Amino acid sequence: MAAKAIFYHAGCPVCVAAEHAVADAIDHSKYQVEIVHLGTDKSRIGEAEAAGVKSVPALVIDGAAFHINFGASIDDLK
């Protein structure tokens, strides 16, 4: 079974560009990639924060949050 990678974003141009460049480049034979749009699914903001996400776009993989560029602070999404 593949490990899970979660790509959190807010739909901004920076986030969409990162989604195409990063999330689409992940080896899908090793990782099951889930895309979460925090702008439309605010119920998952707490989950993202608990995983260490401080801003979006961010990729959480193997329990570690990786921040990619800067689109929006997680606080701005609340």
PDB file of N, CA and C in Angstrom:
ATOM      1  N   MET A   1       0.841  -1.181   0.000  1.00  0.00           N
ATOM      2  CA  MET A   1       0.000   0.000   0.000  1.00  0.00           C
ATOM      3  C   MET A   1       0.891   1.252   0.000  1.00  0.00           C
ATOM      4  N   ALA A   2       0.509   2.216  -0.796  1.00  0.00           N
ATOM      5  CA  ALA A   2       1.287   3.450  -0.919  1.00  0.00           C
ATOM      6  C   ALA A   2       1.070   4.339   0.307  1.00  0.00           C
ATOM      7  N   ALA A   3       2.101   5.075   0.693  1.00  0.00           N
ATOM      8  CA  ALA A   3       2.000   6.061   1.761  1.00  0.00           C
ATOM      9  C   ALA A   3       1.163   7.233   1.261  1.00  0.00           C
ATOM     10  N   LYS A   4       0.714   8.062   2.184  1.00  0.00           N
ATOM     11  CA  LYS A   4      -0.146   9.177   1.804  1.00  0.00           C
ATOM     12  C   LYS A   4       0.625  10.491   1.805  1.00  0.00           C
ATOM     13  N   ALA A   5       0.366  11.309   0.800  1.00  0.00           N
ATOM     14  CA  ALA A   5       0.885  12.671   0.717  1.00  0.00           C
ATOM     15  C   ALA A   5      -0.318  13.583   0.552  1.00  0.00           C
ATOM     16  N   ILE A   6      -0.366  14.648   1.332  1.00  0.00           N
ATOM     17  CA  ILE A   6      -1.487  15.587   1.238  1.00  0.00           C
ATOM     18  C   ILE A   6      -0.950  16.947   0.818  1.00  0.00           C
ATOM     19  N   PHE A   7      -1.512  17.470  -0.274  1.00  0.00           N
ATOM     20  CA  PHE A   7      -1.144  18.784  -0.781  1.00  0.00           C
ATOM     21  C   PHE A   7      -2.251  19.752  -0.392  1.00  0.00           C
ATOM     22  N   TYR A   8      -1.933  20.701   0.486  1.00  0.00           N
ATOM     23  CA  TYR A   8      -2.896  21.707   0.936  1.00  0.00           C
ATOM     24  C   TYR A   8      -2.672  22.989   0.152  1.00  0.00           C
ATOM     25  N   HIS A   9      -3.783  23.591  -0.286  1.00  0.00           N
ATOM     26  CA  HIS A   9      -3.676  24.868  -0.990  1.00  0.00           C
ATOM     27  C   HIS A   9      -4.939  25.680  -0.791  1.00  0.00           C
ATOM     28  N   ALA A  10      -4.936  26.910  -1.307  1.00  0.00           N
ATOM     29  CA  ALA A  10      -6.081  27.802  -1.156  1.00  0.00           C
ATOM     30  C   ALA A  10      -6.639  28.276  -2.490  1.00  0.00           C
ATOM     31  N   GLY A  11      -6.149  27.713  -3.580  1.00  0.00           N
ATOM     32  CA  GLY A  11      -6.679  28.054  -4.899  1.00  0.00           C
ATOM     33  C   GLY A  11      -6.046  29.263  -5.557  1.00  0.00           C
ATOM     34  N   CYS A  12      -5.103  29.915  -4.889  1.00  0.00           N
ATOM     35  CA  CYS A  12      -4.460  31.091  -5.471  1.00  0.00           C
ATOM     36  C   CYS A  12      -3.528  30.662  -6.615  1.00  0.00           C
ATOM     37  N   PRO A  13      -3.111  31.587  -7.459  1.00  0.00           N
ATOM     38  CA  PRO A  13      -2.228  31.226  -8.579  1.00  0.00           C
ATOM     39  C   PRO A  13      -0.933  30.532  -8.144  1.00  0.00           C
ATOM     40  N   VAL A  14      -0.338  30.971  -7.026  1.00  0.00           N
ATOM     41  CA  VAL A  14       0.881  30.327  -6.522  1.00  0.00           C
ATOM     42  C   VAL A  14       0.582  28.869  -6.173  1.00  0.00           C
ATOM     43  N   CYS A  15      -0.571  28.644  -5.520  1.00  0.00           N
ATOM     44  CA  CYS A  15      -0.946  27.297  -5.102  1.00  0.00           C
ATOM     45  C   CYS A  15      -1.206  26.385  -6.297  1.00  0.00           C
ATOM     46  N   VAL A  16      -1.909  26.897  -7.273  1.00  0.00           N
ATOM     47  CA  VAL A  16      -2.229  26.093  -8.458  1.00  0.00           C
ATOM     48  C   VAL A  16      -0.954  25.738  -9.220  1.00  0.00           C
ATOM     49  N   ALA A  17      -0.044  26.692  -9.351  1.00  0.00           N
ATOM     50  CA  ALA A  17       1.224  26.417 -10.025  1.00  0.00           C
ATOM     51  C   ALA A  17       2.018  25.359  -9.265  1.00  0.00           C
ATOM     52  N   ALA A  18       2.036  25.455  -7.936  1.00  0.00           N
ATOM     53  CA  ALA A  18       2.750  24.473  -7.121  1.00  0.00           C
ATOM     54  C   ALA A  18       2.100  23.105  -7.233  1.00  0.00           C
ATOM     55  N   GLU A  19       0.784  23.074  -7.279  1.00  0.00           N
ATOM     56  CA  GLU A  19       0.079  21.791  -7.436  1.00  0.00           C
ATOM     57  C   GLU A  19       0.527  21.095  -8.710  1.00  0.00           C
ATOM     58  N   HIS A  20       0.575  21.832  -9.798  1.00  0.00           N
ATOM     59  CA  HIS A  20       0.975  21.234 -11.069  1.00  0.00           C
ATOM     60  C   HIS A  20       2.445  20.831 -11.069  1.00  0.00           C
ATOM     61  N   ALA A  21       3.291  21.628 -10.444  1.00  0.00           N
ATOM     62  CA  ALA A  21       4.725  21.348 -10.463  1.00  0.00           C
ATOM     63  C   ALA A  21       5.143  20.282  -9.452  1.00  0.00           C
ATOM     64  N   VAL A  22       4.514  20.283  -8.278  1.00  0.00           N
ATOM     65  CA  VAL A  22       4.971  19.413  -7.199  1.00  0.00           C
ATOM     66  C   VAL A  22       4.069  18.193  -7.025  1.00  0.00           C
ATOM     67  N   ALA A  23       2.809  18.418  -6.757  1.00  0.00           N
ATOM     68  CA  ALA A  23       1.911  17.297  -6.468  1.00  0.00           C
ATOM     69  C   ALA A  23       1.801  16.336  -7.644  1.00  0.00           C
ATOM     70  N   ASP A  24       1.798  16.866  -8.849  1.00  0.00           N
ATOM     71  CA  ASP A  24       1.700  16.004 -10.023  1.00  0.00           C
ATOM     72  C   ASP A  24       2.998  15.246 -10.298  1.00  0.00           C
ATOM     73  N   ALA A  25       4.116  15.706  -9.722  1.00  0.00           N
ATOM     74  CA  ALA A  25       5.412  15.083  -9.973  1.00  0.00           C
ATOM     75  C   ALA A  25       5.725  13.944  -8.999  1.00  0.00           C
ATOM     76  N   ILE A  26       4.910  13.800  -7.969  1.00  0.00           N
ATOM     77  CA  ILE A  26       5.156  12.753  -6.969  1.00  0.00           C
ATOM     78  C   ILE A  26       4.918  11.380  -7.589  1.00  0.00           C
ATOM     79  N   ASP A  27       5.755  10.453  -7.238  1.00  0.00           N
ATOM     80  CA  ASP A  27       5.654   9.077  -7.726  1.00  0.00           C
ATOM     81  C   ASP A  27       4.395   8.429  -7.138  1.00  0.00           C
ATOM     82  N   HIS A  28       3.379   8.271  -7.966  1.00  0.00           N
ATOM     83  CA  HIS A  28       2.096   7.738  -7.511  1.00  0.00           C
ATOM     84  C   HIS A  28       2.147   6.252  -7.197  1.00  0.00           C
ATOM     85  N   SER A  29       3.232   5.589  -7.535  1.00  0.00           N
ATOM     86  CA  SER A  29       3.374   4.185  -7.137  1.00  0.00           C
ATOM     87  C   SER A  29       3.858   4.095  -5.688  1.00  0.00           C
ATOM     88  N   LYS A  30       4.411   5.194  -5.169  1.00  0.00           N
ATOM     89  CA  LYS A  30       4.894   5.231  -3.791  1.00  0.00           C
ATOM     90  C   LYS A  30       3.972   6.007  -2.859  1.00  0.00           C
ATOM     91  N   TYR A  31       3.267   7.000  -3.402  1.00  0.00           N
ATOM     92  CA  TYR A  31       2.418   7.861  -2.594  1.00  0.00           C
ATOM     93  C   TYR A  31       1.039   8.034  -3.202  1.00  0.00           C
ATOM     94  N   GLN A  32       0.041   7.921  -2.347  1.00  0.00           N
ATOM     95  CA  GLN A  32      -1.323   8.271  -2.718  1.00  0.00           C
ATOM     96  C   GLN A  32      -1.454   9.762  -2.416  1.00  0.00           C
ATOM     97  N   VAL A  33      -1.689  10.576  -3.433  1.00  0.00           N
ATOM     98  CA  VAL A  33      -1.719  12.030  -3.269  1.00  0.00           C
ATOM     99  C   VAL A  33      -3.162  12.506  -3.132  1.00  0.00           C
ATOM    100  N   GLU A  34      -3.409  13.264  -2.069  1.00  0.00           N
ATOM    101  CA  GLU A  34      -4.714  13.885  -1.863  1.00  0.00           C
ATOM    102  C   GLU A  34      -4.522  15.396  -1.961  1.00  0.00           C
ATOM    103  N   ILE A  35      -5.381  16.043  -2.721  1.00  0.00           N
ATOM    104  CA  ILE A  35      -5.356  17.499  -2.872  1.00  0.00           C
ATOM    105  C   ILE A  35      -6.474  18.075  -2.000  1.00  0.00           C
ATOM    106  N   VAL A  36      -6.128  19.003  -1.115  1.00  0.00           N
ATOM    107  CA  VAL A  36      -7.114  19.617  -0.224  1.00  0.00           C
ATOM    108  C   VAL A  36      -7.107  21.129  -0.437  1.00  0.00           C
ATOM    109  N   HIS A  37      -8.230  21.657  -0.883  1.00  0.00           N
ATOM    110  CA  HIS A  37      -8.407  23.100  -1.099  1.00  0.00           C
ATOM    111  C   HIS A  37      -8.987  23.684   0.185  1.00  0.00           C
ATOM    112  N   LEU A  38      -8.132  24.305   0.997  1.00  0.00           N
ATOM    113  CA  LEU A  38      -8.565  24.830   2.287  1.00  0.00           C
ATOM    114  C   LEU A  38      -9.480  26.041   2.169  1.00  0.00           C
ATOM    115  N   GLY A  39      -9.500  26.675   1.007  1.00  0.00           N
ATOM    116  CA  GLY A  39     -10.413  27.796   0.805  1.00  0.00           C
ATOM    117  C   GLY A  39     -11.861  27.339   0.732  1.00  0.00           C
ATOM    118  N   THR A  40     -12.073  26.133   0.216  1.00  0.00           N
ATOM    119  CA  THR A  40     -13.430  25.608   0.095  1.00  0.00           C
ATOM    120  C   THR A  40     -13.737  24.530   1.127  1.00  0.00           C
ATOM    121  N   ASP A  41     -12.719  23.999   1.779  1.00  0.00           N
ATOM    122  CA  ASP A  41     -12.919  22.956   2.793  1.00  0.00           C
ATOM    123  C   ASP A  41     -12.260  23.391   4.101  1.00  0.00           C
ATOM    124  N   LYS A  42     -12.829  24.441   4.700  1.00  0.00           N
ATOM    125  CA  LYS A  42     -12.259  25.021   5.919  1.00  0.00           C
ATOM    126  C   LYS A  42     -12.267  24.047   7.090  1.00  0.00           C
ATOM    127  N   SER A  43     -13.074  23.006   7.026  1.00  0.00           N
ATOM    128  CA  SER A  43     -13.127  22.029   8.111  1.00  0.00           C
ATOM    129  C   SER A  43     -11.810  21.278   8.260  1.00  0.00           C
ATOM    130  N   ARG A  44     -10.933  21.360   7.269  1.00  0.00           N
ATOM    131  CA  ARG A  44      -9.657  20.638   7.316  1.00  0.00           C
ATOM    132  C   ARG A  44      -8.476  21.521   7.745  1.00  0.00           C
ATOM    133  N   ILE A  45      -8.756  22.799   8.064  1.00  0.00           N
ATOM    134  CA  ILE A  45      -7.690  23.709   8.478  1.00  0.00           C
ATOM    135  C   ILE A  45      -7.016  23.207   9.753  1.00  0.00           C
ATOM    136  N   GLY A  46      -7.780  22.746  10.725  1.00  0.00           N
ATOM    137  CA  GLY A  46      -7.212  22.233  11.973  1.00  0.00           C
ATOM    138  C   GLY A  46      -6.299  21.046  11.723  1.00  0.00           C
ATOM    139  N   GLU A  47      -6.706  20.175  10.825  1.00  0.00           N
ATOM    140  CA  GLU A  47      -5.885  19.017  10.443  1.00  0.00           C
ATOM    141  C   GLU A  47      -4.563  19.467   9.840  1.00  0.00           C
ATOM    142  N   ALA A  48      -4.632  20.470   8.961  1.00  0.00           N
ATOM    143  CA  ALA A  48      -3.421  20.991   8.326  1.00  0.00           C
ATOM    144  C   ALA A  48      -2.496  21.600   9.378  1.00  0.00           C
ATOM    145  N   GLU A  49      -3.058  22.383  10.295  1.00  0.00           N
ATOM    146  CA  GLU A  49      -2.250  22.985  11.360  1.00  0.00           C
ATOM    147  C   GLU A  49      -1.593  21.913  12.226  1.00  0.00           C
ATOM    148  N   ALA A  50      -2.345  20.877  12.566  1.00  0.00           N
ATOM    149  CA  ALA A  50      -1.810  19.793  13.394  1.00  0.00           C
ATOM    150  C   ALA A  50      -0.654  19.076  12.693  1.00  0.00           C
ATOM    151  N   ALA A  51      -0.676  19.093  11.363  1.00  0.00           N
ATOM    152  CA  ALA A  51       0.393  18.459  10.584  1.00  0.00           C
ATOM    153  C   ALA A  51       1.598  19.384  10.411  1.00  0.00           C
ATOM    154  N   GLY A  52       1.494  20.624  10.911  1.00  0.00           N
ATOM    155  CA  GLY A  52       2.616  21.551  10.837  1.00  0.00           C
ATOM    156  C   GLY A  52       2.536  22.574   9.725  1.00  0.00           C
ATOM    157  N   VAL A  53       1.408  22.640   9.029  1.00  0.00           N
ATOM    158  CA  VAL A  53       1.258  23.595   7.933  1.00  0.00           C
ATOM    159  C   VAL A  53       1.073  24.996   8.514  1.00  0.00           C
ATOM    160  N   LYS A  54       1.935  25.919   8.077  1.00  0.00           N
ATOM    161  CA  LYS A  54       1.880  27.318   8.520  1.00  0.00           C
ATOM    162  C   LYS A  54       1.386  28.238   7.400  1.00  0.00           C
ATOM    163  N   SER A  55       1.591  27.806   6.155  1.00  0.00           N
ATOM    164  CA  SER A  55       1.146  28.564   4.990  1.00  0.00           C
ATOM    165  C   SER A  55       0.913  27.589   3.851  1.00  0.00           C
ATOM    166  N   VAL A  56       0.177  28.052   2.870  1.00  0.00           N
ATOM    167  CA  VAL A  56      -0.077  27.230   1.681  1.00  0.00           C
ATOM    168  C   VAL A  56       0.518  27.927   0.470  1.00  0.00           C
ATOM    169  N   PRO A  57       0.932  27.176  -0.513  1.00  0.00           N
ATOM    170  CA  PRO A  57       0.819  25.729  -0.663  1.00  0.00           C
ATOM    171  C   PRO A  57       1.817  24.987   0.218  1.00  0.00           C
ATOM    172  N   ALA A  58       1.388  23.803   0.665  1.00  0.00           N
ATOM    173  CA  ALA A  58       2.251  22.953   1.484  1.00  0.00           C
ATOM    174  C   ALA A  58       1.953  21.495   1.170  1.00  0.00           C
ATOM    175  N   LEU A  59       2.975  20.695   1.287  1.00  0.00           N
ATOM    176  CA  LEU A  59       2.857  19.263   1.063  1.00  0.00           C
ATOM    177  C   LEU A  59       3.232  18.566   2.361  1.00  0.00           C
ATOM    178  N   VAL A  60       2.328  17.709   2.849  1.00  0.00           N
ATOM    179  CA  VAL A  60       2.617  16.908   4.038  1.00  0.00           C
ATOM    180  C   VAL A  60       2.862  15.489   3.559  1.00  0.00           C
ATOM    181  N   ILE A  61       4.070  15.015   3.829  1.00  0.00           N
ATOM    182  CA  ILE A  61       4.465  13.693   3.359  1.00  0.00           C
ATOM    183  C   ILE A  61       5.288  13.019   4.458  1.00  0.00           C
ATOM    184  N   ASP A  62       4.955  11.794   4.752  1.00  0.00           N
ATOM    185  CA  ASP A  62       5.633  11.040   5.811  1.00  0.00           C
ATOM    186  C   ASP A  62       5.650  11.812   7.130  1.00  0.00           C
ATOM    187  N   GLY A  63       4.556  12.529   7.422  1.00  0.00           N
ATOM    188  CA  GLY A  63       4.432  13.243   8.684  1.00  0.00           C
ATOM    189  C   GLY A  63       5.150  14.575   8.775  1.00  0.00           C
ATOM    190  N   ALA A  64       5.760  15.017   7.683  1.00  0.00           N
ATOM    191  CA  ALA A  64       6.487  16.289   7.695  1.00  0.00           C
ATOM    192  C   ALA A  64       5.840  17.270   6.720  1.00  0.00           C
ATOM    193  N   ALA A  65       5.714  18.521   7.153  1.00  0.00           N
ATOM    194  CA  ALA A  65       5.147  19.564   6.304  1.00  0.00           C
ATOM    195  C   ALA A  65       6.254  20.283   5.553  1.00  0.00           C
ATOM    196  N   PHE A  66       6.092  20.386   4.240  1.00  0.00           N
ATOM    197  CA  PHE A  66       7.029  21.104   3.389  1.00  0.00           C
ATOM    198  C   PHE A  66       6.287  22.286   2.784  1.00  0.00           C
ATOM    199  N   HIS A  67       6.772  23.489   3.072  1.00  0.00           N
ATOM    200  CA  HIS A  67       6.134  24.702   2.559  1.00  0.00           C
ATOM    201  C   HIS A  67       6.765  25.067   1.225  1.00  0.00           C
ATOM    202  N   ILE A  68       5.908  25.332   0.261  1.00  0.00           N
ATOM    203  CA  ILE A  68       6.336  25.587  -1.111  1.00  0.00           C
ATOM    204  C   ILE A  68       5.968  27.023  -1.454  1.00  0.00           C
ATOM    205  N   ASN A  69       6.977  27.870  -1.655  1.00  0.00           N
ATOM    206  CA  ASN A  69       6.714  29.266  -1.980  1.00  0.00           C
ATOM    207  C   ASN A  69       5.845  29.869  -0.884  1.00  0.00           C
ATOM    208  N   PHE A  70       5.035  30.875  -1.165  1.00  0.00           N
ATOM    209  CA  PHE A  70       4.124  31.441  -0.169  1.00  0.00           C
ATOM    210  C   PHE A  70       2.916  31.996  -0.894  1.00  0.00           C
ATOM    211  N   GLY A  71       1.776  31.383  -0.637  1.00  0.00           N
ATOM    212  CA  GLY A  71       0.531  31.856  -1.237  1.00  0.00           C
ATOM    213  C   GLY A  71      -0.313  32.582  -0.217  1.00  0.00           C
ATOM    214  N   ALA A  72      -0.518  31.939   0.955  1.00  0.00           N
ATOM    215  CA  ALA A  72      -1.325  32.527   2.024  1.00  0.00           C
ATOM    216  C   ALA A  72      -0.961  31.870   3.348  1.00  0.00           C
ATOM    217  N   SER A  73      -1.027  32.671   4.397  1.00  0.00           N
ATOM    218  CA  SER A  73      -0.835  32.150   5.743  1.00  0.00           C
ATOM    219  C   SER A  73      -2.042  31.300   6.121  1.00  0.00           C
ATOM    220  N   ILE A  74      -1.830  30.254   6.889  1.00  0.00           N
ATOM    221  CA  ILE A  74      -2.944  29.423   7.350  1.00  0.00           C
ATOM    222  C   ILE A  74      -3.925  30.270   8.178  1.00  0.00           C
ATOM    223  N   ASP A  75      -3.414  31.280   8.902  1.00  0.00           N
ATOM    224  CA  ASP A  75      -4.274  32.158   9.691  1.00  0.00           C
ATOM    225  C   ASP A  75      -5.228  32.970   8.802  1.00  0.00           C
ATOM    226  N   ASP A  76      -4.787  33.301   7.590  1.00  0.00           N
ATOM    227  CA  ASP A  76      -5.635  34.066   6.675  1.00  0.00           C
ATOM    228  C   ASP A  76      -6.794  33.225   6.138  1.00  0.00           C
ATOM    229  N   LEU A  77      -6.692  31.915   6.230  1.00  0.00           N
ATOM    230  CA  LEU A  77      -7.741  31.031   5.708  1.00  0.00           C
ATOM    231  C   LEU A  77      -8.850  30.781   6.707  1.00  0.00           C
ATOM    232  N   LYS A  78      -8.604  31.124   7.966  1.00  0.00           N
ATOM    233  CA  LYS A  78      -9.591  30.831   9.026  1.00  0.00           C
ATOM    234  C   LYS A  78     -10.814  31.677   8.924  1.00  0.00           C
TER     235      LYS A  78
END
